[in-house]
Amino acid sequence: MVIVTSWRAYELLYAPVVKGHLRVLELKYHSLIRDTIELRLKHHPEIETTNRKPLKRPVFFGATWELRIGPNNRFRVFYKVDRSNHRVAILAIGEKQGQRLILGREEVQL
């Protein structure tokens, strides 16, 4: 007997503002960020792991999940999942500097 499980990858959609967030990060990290997003969020984006956690409350731009990546987990990817349409919306990418989170050129409070 063969059991076939049907699954499909989630479509990754980037908010227009994310381009500006990436622009201020060092270029050498862009491929690491992109590759990690592809690897970690295309399949099962709502499974909690060491570096992927649901936010206790949605942040002001609508994200409900956070992915930590890069050296010392310094980068944060904020996203929300649309299960019914099989989509992950990447809403913000920032850099954690101590207790501060920088999105683009702005410091934000979470």
Protein backbone atom coordinates (compact mmCIF):
# COMPACT_ATOMS: atom_id res chain seq x y z
CA MET A 1 0.00 0.00 0.00
CA VAL A 2 1.31 3.44 -0.95
CA ILE A 3 0.21 6.46 1.03
CA VAL A 4 0.46 9.71 -0.84
CA THR A 5 0.48 12.88 1.16
CA SER A 6 -0.43 16.01 -0.65
CA TRP A 7 1.36 19.17 0.31
CA ARG A 8 2.51 22.13 -1.57
CA ALA A 9 4.97 24.85 -0.88
CA TYR A 10 3.78 28.17 0.42
CA GLU A 11 4.09 31.13 -1.91
CA LEU A 12 6.32 33.83 -0.45
CA LEU A 13 5.09 37.39 -0.94
CA TYR A 14 7.22 40.38 0.06
CA ALA A 15 5.65 43.66 1.15
CA PRO A 16 6.99 46.61 -0.87
CA VAL A 17 8.56 48.14 2.25
CA VAL A 18 10.87 45.12 2.66
CA LYS A 19 13.03 46.30 -0.24
CA GLY A 20 13.83 49.44 1.76
CA HIS A 21 14.57 47.39 4.86
CA LEU A 22 17.08 45.29 2.94
CA ARG A 23 18.70 48.30 1.32
CA VAL A 24 20.22 49.42 4.63
CA LEU A 25 21.57 45.98 5.59
CA GLU A 26 25.04 44.95 4.52
CA LEU A 27 24.94 43.46 1.01
CA LYS A 28 26.93 40.40 2.10
CA TYR A 29 23.90 39.25 4.16
CA HIS A 30 21.25 39.56 1.45
CA SER A 31 21.69 36.06 0.02
CA LEU A 32 21.82 34.54 3.52
CA ILE A 33 18.52 36.25 4.39
CA ARG A 34 16.86 35.27 1.11
CA ASP A 35 18.08 31.66 1.22
CA THR A 36 17.03 31.21 4.85
CA ILE A 37 13.56 32.63 4.18
CA GLU A 38 13.18 30.20 1.27
CA LEU A 39 14.41 27.26 3.34
CA ARG A 40 12.47 27.97 6.54
CA LEU A 41 9.19 29.49 5.35
CA LYS A 42 8.21 27.69 2.13
CA HIS A 43 7.20 24.57 4.04
CA HIS A 44 5.47 24.48 7.42
CA PRO A 45 5.93 28.18 8.29
CA GLU A 46 3.77 27.82 11.40
CA ILE A 47 5.80 25.19 13.19
CA GLU A 48 7.58 26.72 16.15
CA THR A 49 11.34 26.08 16.30
CA THR A 50 14.28 27.55 18.18
CA ASN A 51 14.51 30.44 15.70
CA ARG A 52 10.89 30.64 14.52
CA LYS A 53 8.29 31.77 17.02
CA PRO A 54 4.76 33.09 17.09
CA LEU A 55 4.57 36.63 18.42
CA LYS A 56 2.70 37.06 21.69
CA ARG A 57 0.65 39.78 20.05
CA PRO A 58 0.62 40.91 16.43
CA VAL A 59 2.97 43.82 15.84
CA PHE A 60 1.75 47.04 14.31
CA PHE A 61 2.44 45.99 10.71
CA GLY A 62 0.35 42.82 11.05
CA ALA A 63 3.04 40.18 11.57
CA THR A 64 2.17 37.23 13.76
CA TRP A 65 5.45 35.28 13.45
CA GLU A 66 9.16 36.05 13.79
CA LEU A 67 12.09 34.23 12.18
CA ARG A 68 15.57 34.87 13.59
CA ILE A 69 18.52 34.38 11.24
CA GLY A 70 22.13 35.27 10.63
CA PRO A 71 25.17 35.54 12.86
CA ASN A 72 24.04 35.65 16.50
CA ASN A 73 20.43 35.73 15.20
CA ARG A 74 20.87 39.41 14.50
CA PHE A 75 18.28 39.61 11.71
CA ARG A 76 14.53 39.35 12.22
CA VAL A 77 11.97 38.46 9.58
CA PHE A 78 8.39 39.31 10.53
CA TYR A 79 5.64 37.53 8.65
CA LYS A 80 2.08 36.27 8.68
CA VAL A 81 0.65 33.09 7.20
CA ASP A 82 -2.47 32.83 5.06
CA ARG A 83 -3.18 29.12 5.41
CA SER A 84 -6.25 29.09 3.17
CA ASN A 85 -4.37 30.57 0.19
CA HIS A 86 -1.04 28.88 1.03
CA ARG A 87 0.85 32.17 1.25
CA VAL A 88 3.40 33.68 3.58
CA ALA A 89 3.55 37.47 3.61
CA ILE A 90 7.00 38.80 4.55
CA LEU A 91 6.11 42.14 6.15
CA ALA A 92 9.40 43.41 7.58
CA ILE A 93 13.07 42.51 7.86
CA GLY A 94 15.15 44.18 10.51
CA GLU A 95 18.34 44.03 12.49
CA LYS A 96 18.44 43.55 16.23
CA GLN A 97 21.11 45.71 17.88
CA GLY A 98 21.13 44.96 21.59
CA GLN A 99 17.65 45.87 22.82
CA ARG A 100 16.88 47.87 19.68
CA LEU A 101 15.19 46.69 16.49
CA ILE A 102 16.01 48.64 13.35
CA LEU A 103 13.68 48.38 10.33
CA GLY A 104 15.11 50.30 7.42
CA ARG A 105 16.42 53.47 9.04
CA GLU A 106 13.91 53.52 11.90
CA GLU A 107 14.03 52.08 15.38
CA VAL A 108 10.77 50.41 16.32
CA GLN A 109 9.28 49.21 19.58
CA LEU A 110 7.78 45.75 19.71
